[in-house]
Structure formats: structure tokens, C-alpha cells
């Protein structure tokens, strides 16, 4: 096939992919109760479609993965997650205003194989009402403060809400009533669908916020480092370098103090492509232009999806463990995936 013909075919396929996602039947909706038990269907995810013996891509070592589905209108759209210190308890938030909690299960070799005791509920607004409309319910990022309270970042109506510490089944945590949390003034200028995709709490207590696409300097998107004083943050901007059409979708603090990020792009041929990145905390000085290091790239035939959430924790043997979650866009052509890796070196 000639180069122009091949290019035209690629454009047509890309348009078809976007159309399929846009026109797919959405399963959006809200839970009917504050918290309800959820029956999940769990299946193993394949790491490499062409090589079943593969165990590593870049600096990521495969520790298992699962696909999740449920017969509930609000299940899907998972945009970020938080995993407890022991690697068991997991929380996630969705872009339809729902939350999910449960227990992760591993086999004797430490591979992720299950998700137990799942509970689903809906997020509240500061006035105690449910977040229902997409404009107000589009949760995209999640982070836990040292006192156990939870920060949830929203786009469209760009803001951060602080949910109380506690157990969701007792009305705390993501089931609680939040308070507004101060954000940088410049965040209001972010495009509606490209707000706070990434948020992390650093080991020294500082906060990191990163917009998906807020260009204040050419070739970058804008982030902020926040320092808390008496519970109120003061923000200093930095500028995160963008390459190859990738955009940041999630961040988490690594045990060594640096930051791990996800970047994502999509198109045909190839579908979703994801980069796992390391950002050196030492580079985060006011108004700096920073560039992250690529740790791994996930693209066909490697396991990949619309990966939008990441969590990092120290493992029992001292290794750094990562969990990645995919947003299925409530679309029949996509999947909810939860992937698990150890970080080499």
C-alpha cells in the first residue's frame, strides 16, 4: 500500500475508534444508596498478547492483573485509586461521581488475582447532597493526606474537595461530607475536560497537582507544588514537558520521595498507548520547566487500556510496587483493568 493510502487508512481508522467510543452505550448512573455490596466478575488480564512467557517491560516487572465488570449502572469510569500501606485495601473514584472500595487478593507469589468485599457508593458535595451531574461529578484524581483525610480533584468544575478520614461503611472516607480545599487561581483557566488529572502527597507533606492540558509555557502543561500551613496550602507553579502527544493522567508518590506518573495518548493503529514516568522531586522548584524519565511504555502487544490512575507503595520485601487502573468510559469497547507491577532497580 502506498504511503498516502496507508496514511488515509490510518486517519479513517482513528476516526472510527473515536466514533465507537463516542457512540457506545454508556452505563452511567448513580448508586441508589450511600453504600452497597457489589458483585464483581473478575478475570485475569494477559500481560503480552504475543508472548505468554513475558514478565517485564522497561523497568516494570509484571505482578498480575485483572479485568473487572459488574451489573451496576455506576460501575466504570474509574479515574484514580489509592492502595493502603499493606497493599490490600483499595479505594477508587470515578468520573461519574462514584467511589469503590474493597480488598485486593494475591496468590502466594504476590501476583494480583482478585478483588473482594467490593462496596460502591456515591460522592457527596459539601452541602451533603449527592454529586449527580457530569459537570460537578467528574472526579479525576485522588490522594490521601497524612491525617487520613482524602483529597479528590475534579475537572469541568475545577476544584478539590477534602473528604474526612474513616471507613466508608461507617459513613467516613469517600462516603463522608467533604469540605472545599483551596486550589491555585490559575486552575480556573484549564480546559473543561483537561483539569486535575494528577495529584499526589509527597513524603515531606507537600502536595503535587498537575493539569492534563493547561499550557502557560509552550510545549508544557502546568502543575503546582503546595505547602500546607495550618491546613491551608500555598502554591508554586511548575511546567511539565509534553512529548509525542502524551498527556498526564495520574501521579503517586514513590517510597524514595520521587513521583511516578502516567501519561496517555490514543489513536490507530495501536489504540491506547501509556507511558510510566519518574519525576525527580528535586526538580520541582518554582516556575521550573521539568521533564520526566520514561520507565516503561505500554502499547500493543503489551497490556494497555485507557489507564488513568496509579498508586505506589513499598512491598514487604522492600521493593516498590505499582497499581494502575483503567477508565472504561462506560463503553462496551473498553474494559476496567487493574494492573500490578514491581519497579525494577
Protein backbone atom coordinates (compact mmCIF):
# COMPACT_ATOMS: atom_id res chain seq x y z
CA UNK A 1 0.00 0.00 0.00
CA UNK A 2 1.36 3.44 -0.89
CA UNK A 3 2.32 5.87 1.89
CA UNK A 4 -0.59 8.31 1.15
CA UNK A 5 -3.07 5.41 1.07
CA UNK A 6 -1.68 3.99 4.29
CA UNK A 7 -1.93 7.41 5.93
CA UNK A 8 -5.52 7.89 4.78
CA UNK A 9 -6.45 4.47 6.10
CA UNK A 10 -4.88 5.30 9.47
CA UNK A 11 -6.87 8.52 9.72
CA UNK A 12 -10.09 6.68 8.85
CA UNK A 13 -9.44 4.03 11.50
CA UNK A 14 -8.71 6.67 14.11
CA UNK A 15 -11.98 8.43 13.30
CA UNK A 16 -13.78 5.08 13.59
CA UNK A 17 -12.28 4.43 17.05
CA UNK A 18 -13.37 7.84 18.32
CA UNK A 19 -16.86 7.29 16.87
CA UNK A 20 -17.18 3.86 18.50
CA UNK A 21 -16.27 5.26 21.89
CA UNK A 22 -18.48 8.30 21.49
CA UNK A 23 -21.48 6.30 20.32
CA UNK A 24 -21.09 3.29 22.61
CA UNK A 25 -23.96 2.72 25.04
CA UNK A 26 -22.96 4.31 28.32
CA UNK A 27 -23.71 2.61 31.61
CA UNK A 28 -23.57 5.88 33.50
CA UNK A 29 -25.73 6.41 36.54
CA UNK A 30 -25.57 6.72 40.29
CA UNK A 31 -25.84 4.23 43.14
CA UNK A 32 -29.24 4.24 44.80
CA UNK A 33 -27.76 4.08 48.31
CA UNK A 34 -24.82 5.57 50.14
CA UNK A 35 -23.02 2.22 50.08
CA UNK A 36 -24.00 -1.13 48.64
CA UNK A 37 -22.28 -4.50 48.24
CA UNK A 38 -21.16 -5.14 44.68
CA UNK A 39 -20.83 -8.49 42.93
CA UNK A 40 -17.77 -8.26 40.72
CA UNK A 41 -16.80 -10.53 37.85
CA UNK A 42 -13.03 -10.91 37.89
CA UNK A 43 -10.92 -12.31 35.07
CA UNK A 44 -7.12 -12.45 34.64
CA UNK A 45 -5.54 -9.94 32.28
CA UNK A 46 -2.88 -11.04 29.79
CA UNK A 47 0.44 -9.18 30.05
CA UNK A 48 1.61 -9.72 26.47
CA UNK A 49 -0.73 -10.97 23.75
CA UNK A 50 2.13 -12.42 21.71
CA UNK A 51 4.43 -13.80 24.40
CA UNK A 52 2.84 -15.58 27.36
CA UNK A 53 6.27 -16.02 28.99
CA UNK A 54 6.97 -12.28 29.14
CA UNK A 55 7.47 -10.89 32.65
CA UNK A 56 8.95 -7.42 32.13
CA UNK A 57 8.53 -4.29 30.04
CA UNK A 58 11.03 -1.49 30.54
CA UNK A 59 11.57 -1.18 34.29
CA UNK A 60 8.21 -2.74 35.16
CA UNK A 61 8.04 -6.36 36.38
CA UNK A 62 4.63 -7.98 35.91
CA UNK A 63 2.84 -8.93 39.15
CA UNK A 64 -0.51 -9.86 37.64
CA UNK A 65 -3.60 -8.06 36.50
CA UNK A 66 -7.37 -8.44 36.43
CA UNK A 67 -10.34 -7.15 34.47
CA UNK A 68 -13.43 -6.17 36.44
CA UNK A 69 -17.09 -5.92 35.50
CA UNK A 70 -20.39 -5.67 37.36
CA UNK A 71 -24.11 -5.42 36.68
CA UNK A 72 -24.44 -1.96 38.19
CA UNK A 73 -25.17 1.24 36.30
CA UNK A 74 -22.49 3.20 38.17
CA UNK A 75 -19.65 0.71 37.79
CA UNK A 76 -17.00 2.10 35.44
CA UNK A 77 -15.17 5.30 34.63
CA UNK A 78 -12.53 4.70 37.34
CA UNK A 79 -10.11 7.60 37.13
CA UNK A 80 -7.77 7.17 40.09
CA UNK A 81 -7.07 4.86 43.01
CA UNK A 82 -5.34 4.68 46.37
CA UNK A 83 -3.90 1.48 47.85
CA UNK A 84 -3.30 1.02 51.58
CA UNK A 85 0.13 0.54 53.10
CA UNK A 86 -0.26 -3.26 53.21
CA UNK A 87 -1.31 -3.45 49.56
CA UNK A 88 -4.74 -4.82 50.44
CA UNK A 89 -7.31 -2.06 50.91
CA UNK A 90 -8.11 -0.13 47.74
CA UNK A 91 -10.20 2.96 47.03
CA UNK A 92 -11.12 4.37 43.62
CA UNK A 93 -13.12 7.32 42.30
CA UNK A 94 -14.97 7.62 39.02
CA UNK A 95 -15.73 10.40 36.56
CA UNK A 96 -19.44 9.75 37.20
CA UNK A 97 -19.19 10.68 40.89
CA UNK A 98 -18.97 7.18 42.36
CA UNK A 99 -16.50 5.57 44.75
CA UNK A 100 -15.38 1.95 45.05
CA UNK A 101 -13.64 0.23 47.98
CA UNK A 102 -12.55 -3.34 48.55
CA UNK A 103 -9.73 -5.74 49.30
CA UNK A 104 -7.14 -6.85 46.78
CA UNK A 105 -6.17 -10.52 46.81
CA UNK A 106 -2.82 -12.01 45.79
CA UNK A 107 -1.52 -15.53 45.19
CA UNK A 108 1.45 -16.92 47.20
CA UNK A 109 3.87 -15.44 44.63
CA UNK A 110 2.46 -11.96 45.14
CA UNK A 111 0.53 -11.77 41.88
CA UNK A 112 -2.77 -9.86 41.87
CA UNK A 113 -5.62 -12.32 41.34
CA UNK A 114 -8.77 -10.97 42.99
CA UNK A 115 -10.88 -8.10 44.32
CA UNK A 116 -13.02 -8.99 47.35
CA UNK A 117 -15.66 -7.29 49.53
CA UNK A 118 -16.39 -4.61 46.94
CA UNK A 119 -18.63 -1.75 48.04
CA UNK A 120 -19.93 1.03 45.80
CA UNK A 121 -21.30 4.44 46.74
CA UNK A 122 -21.62 7.97 45.51
CA UNK A 123 -19.61 11.07 46.36
CA UNK A 124 -21.18 13.96 48.23
CA UNK A 125 -20.91 17.70 47.81
CA UNK A 126 -20.01 19.98 50.75
CA UNK A 127 -23.70 20.63 51.41
CA UNK A 128 -24.31 16.88 51.88
CA UNK A 129 -26.19 16.35 48.61
CA UNK A 130 -25.11 13.77 46.03
CA UNK A 131 -22.84 14.76 43.16
CA UNK A 132 -25.02 13.80 40.21
CA UNK A 133 -24.46 15.90 37.08
CA UNK A 134 -21.33 15.30 34.99
CA UNK A 135 -20.31 18.93 35.35
CA UNK A 136 -19.96 18.55 39.13
CA UNK A 137 -19.22 14.80 39.50
CA UNK A 138 -16.21 14.35 37.20
CA UNK A 139 -13.66 13.08 39.76
CA UNK A 140 -10.25 12.52 38.18
CA UNK A 141 -7.63 12.35 40.96
CA UNK A 142 -7.31 11.01 44.48
CA UNK A 143 -4.70 11.38 47.23
CA UNK A 144 -4.54 10.65 50.97
CA UNK A 145 -3.20 13.23 53.43
CA UNK A 146 -1.10 12.18 56.46
CA UNK A 147 -4.12 12.56 58.77
CA UNK A 148 -6.10 10.04 56.70
CA UNK A 149 -8.38 12.59 55.02
CA UNK A 150 -8.75 12.29 51.25
CA UNK A 151 -8.36 14.86 48.50
CA UNK A 152 -10.43 14.37 45.34
CA UNK A 153 -9.71 16.51 42.29
CA UNK A 154 -12.50 17.31 39.82
CA UNK A 155 -12.48 18.74 36.33
CA UNK A 156 -15.12 20.64 34.35
CA UNK A 157 -15.96 22.46 37.58
CA UNK A 158 -12.27 22.60 38.52
CA UNK A 159 -11.85 22.13 42.25
CA UNK A 160 -10.57 19.87 45.06
CA UNK A 161 -12.74 18.52 47.88
CA UNK A 162 -11.34 17.17 51.15
CA UNK A 163 -13.20 14.11 52.46
CA UNK A 164 -12.86 13.06 56.12
CA UNK A 165 -10.75 10.19 57.38
CA UNK A 166 -12.57 7.00 58.22
CA UNK A 167 -14.27 3.92 56.87
CA UNK A 168 -16.76 4.31 54.03
CA UNK A 169 -19.01 1.64 55.53
CA UNK A 170 -19.27 3.77 58.66
CA UNK A 171 -20.01 6.96 56.72
CA UNK A 172 -16.42 8.23 56.67
CA UNK A 173 -13.80 8.46 53.95
CA UNK A 174 -15.24 8.92 50.47
CA UNK A 175 -18.74 8.35 51.86
CA UNK A 176 -18.37 11.37 54.13
CA UNK A 177 -19.27 15.01 53.61
CA UNK A 178 -16.30 16.97 52.22
CA UNK A 179 -15.03 20.50 52.65
CA UNK A 180 -13.70 22.70 49.83
CA UNK A 181 -9.91 22.69 49.58
CA UNK A 182 -8.07 25.78 48.25
CA UNK A 183 -6.62 25.42 44.73
CA UNK A 184 -4.33 27.63 42.60
CA UNK A 185 -6.14 30.55 40.96
CA UNK A 186 -4.71 29.64 37.54
CA UNK A 187 -6.51 26.28 37.60
CA UNK A 188 -9.71 28.06 36.60
CA UNK A 189 -8.17 28.60 33.15
CA UNK A 190 -7.81 24.89 32.39
CA UNK A 191 -9.94 23.45 29.55
CA UNK A 192 -13.14 21.88 30.88
CA UNK A 193 -12.08 18.29 30.19
CA UNK A 194 -8.37 18.71 30.97
CA UNK A 195 -8.21 19.68 34.63
CA UNK A 196 -6.64 17.99 37.67
CA UNK A 197 -5.84 14.58 36.28
CA UNK A 198 -2.88 14.03 38.62
CA UNK A 199 -2.46 14.64 42.34
CA UNK A 200 -0.05 13.26 44.96
CA UNK A 201 1.04 13.82 48.55
CA UNK A 202 4.83 13.83 48.89
CA UNK A 203 6.59 12.15 51.84
CA UNK A 204 7.52 15.57 53.25
CA UNK A 205 3.84 16.55 53.32
CA UNK A 206 3.84 18.82 50.29
CA UNK A 207 1.18 18.40 47.60
CA UNK A 208 1.51 18.00 43.86
CA UNK A 209 -1.21 18.98 41.41
CA UNK A 210 -0.87 18.55 37.63
CA UNK A 211 -3.35 19.58 34.96
CA UNK A 212 -3.78 17.46 31.85
CA UNK A 213 -3.57 20.42 29.48
CA UNK A 214 -3.04 23.93 30.85
CA UNK A 215 -0.32 25.49 28.73
CA UNK A 216 1.25 28.57 30.30
CA UNK A 217 4.60 27.87 28.60
CA UNK A 218 4.99 26.35 25.11
CA UNK A 219 5.22 22.57 25.00
CA UNK A 220 4.17 22.08 28.62
CA UNK A 221 1.23 21.69 30.94
CA UNK A 222 1.05 23.36 34.34
CA UNK A 223 1.48 21.85 37.76
CA UNK A 224 1.82 23.17 41.29
CA UNK A 225 3.61 22.24 44.48
CA UNK A 226 1.67 23.15 47.60
CA UNK A 227 2.99 23.69 51.11
CA UNK A 228 0.47 23.33 53.93
CA UNK A 229 0.49 25.82 56.78
CA UNK A 230 -2.25 25.37 59.36
CA UNK A 231 -4.09 23.25 56.80
CA UNK A 232 -4.03 25.93 54.08
CA UNK A 233 -1.82 25.37 51.01
CA UNK A 234 0.35 27.98 49.30
CA UNK A 235 1.02 27.08 45.67
CA UNK A 236 4.10 27.44 43.45
CA UNK A 237 3.75 26.61 39.73
CA UNK A 238 5.99 24.44 37.59
CA UNK A 239 5.77 23.40 33.93
CA UNK A 240 5.73 19.75 32.87
CA UNK A 241 7.18 18.97 29.43
CA UNK A 242 4.86 17.17 26.98
CA UNK A 243 6.09 14.92 24.16
CA UNK A 244 4.59 12.83 21.34
CA UNK A 245 1.01 13.76 22.13
CA UNK A 246 1.07 12.12 25.58
CA UNK A 247 -0.79 13.86 28.43
CA UNK A 248 -0.51 13.19 32.19
CA UNK A 249 -3.39 11.25 33.76
CA UNK A 250 -2.21 10.28 37.26
CA UNK A 251 0.54 10.66 39.86
CA UNK A 252 1.63 8.98 43.07
CA UNK A 253 4.49 9.46 45.50
CA UNK A 254 7.20 6.79 45.35
CA UNK A 255 8.73 5.42 48.56
CA UNK A 256 12.06 7.10 47.70
CA UNK A 257 10.37 10.53 47.55
CA UNK A 258 10.18 10.92 43.78
CA UNK A 259 6.91 10.85 41.80
CA UNK A 260 5.59 8.22 39.41
CA UNK A 261 3.21 9.42 36.70
CA UNK A 262 1.07 8.01 33.93
CA UNK A 263 0.88 9.63 30.52
CA UNK A 264 -1.62 8.55 27.87
CA UNK A 265 -2.44 9.01 24.23
CA UNK A 266 -4.64 7.14 21.76
CA UNK A 267 -5.01 6.54 18.05
CA UNK A 268 -4.90 3.93 15.33
CA UNK A 269 -3.07 1.80 14.53
CA UNK A 270 -2.22 0.70 18.05
CA UNK A 271 -5.06 2.07 20.18
CA UNK A 272 -4.17 3.25 23.68
CA UNK A 273 -0.53 3.97 24.49
CA UNK A 274 0.67 4.69 28.02
CA UNK A 275 3.98 5.84 29.44
CA UNK A 276 5.00 5.23 33.07
CA UNK A 277 7.27 8.09 34.15
CA UNK A 278 9.51 9.11 37.06
CA UNK A 279 9.70 12.77 38.02
CA UNK A 280 12.52 13.82 40.33
CA UNK A 281 11.16 15.80 43.26
CA UNK A 282 14.38 17.81 43.43
CA UNK A 283 13.49 19.39 40.07
CA UNK A 284 10.26 20.88 41.42
CA UNK A 285 11.34 24.44 42.11
CA UNK A 286 9.06 27.45 41.41
CA UNK A 287 8.46 28.12 37.70
CA UNK A 288 10.84 25.32 36.62
CA UNK A 289 10.36 23.50 33.32
CA UNK A 290 10.71 19.83 34.23
CA UNK A 291 10.99 16.64 32.21
CA UNK A 292 10.24 13.14 33.50
CA UNK A 293 12.14 9.92 32.78
CA UNK A 294 10.34 7.13 30.94
CA UNK A 295 10.31 3.89 32.93
CA UNK A 296 8.15 1.84 30.57
CA UNK A 297 5.79 2.17 27.64
CA UNK A 298 2.63 0.08 27.39
CA UNK A 299 1.29 -0.42 23.88
CA UNK A 300 0.06 -3.40 21.85
CA UNK A 301 1.01 -6.26 22.24
CA UNK A 302 1.62 -5.31 25.89
CA UNK A 303 -1.39 -4.95 28.16
CA UNK A 304 -2.88 -1.50 27.73
CA UNK A 305 -6.11 0.44 28.11
CA UNK A 306 -7.23 3.94 29.00
CA UNK A 307 -5.05 3.88 32.12
CA UNK A 308 -5.92 6.88 34.30
CA UNK A 309 -4.94 6.00 37.88
CA UNK A 310 -1.75 4.94 39.65
CA UNK A 311 -0.74 4.11 43.23
CA UNK A 312 2.68 3.24 44.65
CA UNK A 313 3.68 1.53 47.91
CA UNK A 314 6.66 -0.20 49.48
CA UNK A 315 6.28 -4.00 49.40
CA UNK A 316 7.01 -6.46 52.20
CA UNK A 317 10.41 -7.28 50.70
CA UNK A 318 11.40 -3.65 50.24
CA UNK A 319 10.50 -3.44 46.56
CA UNK A 320 8.45 -0.60 45.06
CA UNK A 321 5.00 -1.81 43.94
CA UNK A 322 2.66 -0.08 41.50
CA UNK A 323 -1.06 -0.46 40.77
CA UNK A 324 -2.66 1.00 37.61
CA UNK A 325 -6.40 1.32 36.94
CA UNK A 326 -8.19 1.90 33.62
CA UNK A 327 -11.22 4.07 32.87
CA UNK A 328 -13.55 2.16 30.53
CA UNK A 329 -15.51 5.32 29.63
CA UNK A 330 -18.69 3.26 30.28
CA UNK A 331 -18.13 1.85 26.80
CA UNK A 332 -18.65 -1.72 25.56
CA UNK A 333 -15.43 -1.47 23.52
CA UNK A 334 -13.27 -0.90 26.61
CA UNK A 335 -12.51 -2.66 29.92
CA UNK A 336 -11.97 -1.84 33.57
CA UNK A 337 -8.47 -3.15 34.26
CA UNK A 338 -6.40 -3.23 37.43
CA UNK A 339 -2.72 -3.97 36.78
CA UNK A 340 0.09 -4.69 39.25
CA UNK A 341 3.84 -4.25 38.81
CA UNK A 342 7.08 -4.12 40.77
CA UNK A 343 9.56 -1.43 39.83
CA UNK A 344 12.98 -2.80 38.87
CA UNK A 345 16.16 -1.35 40.37
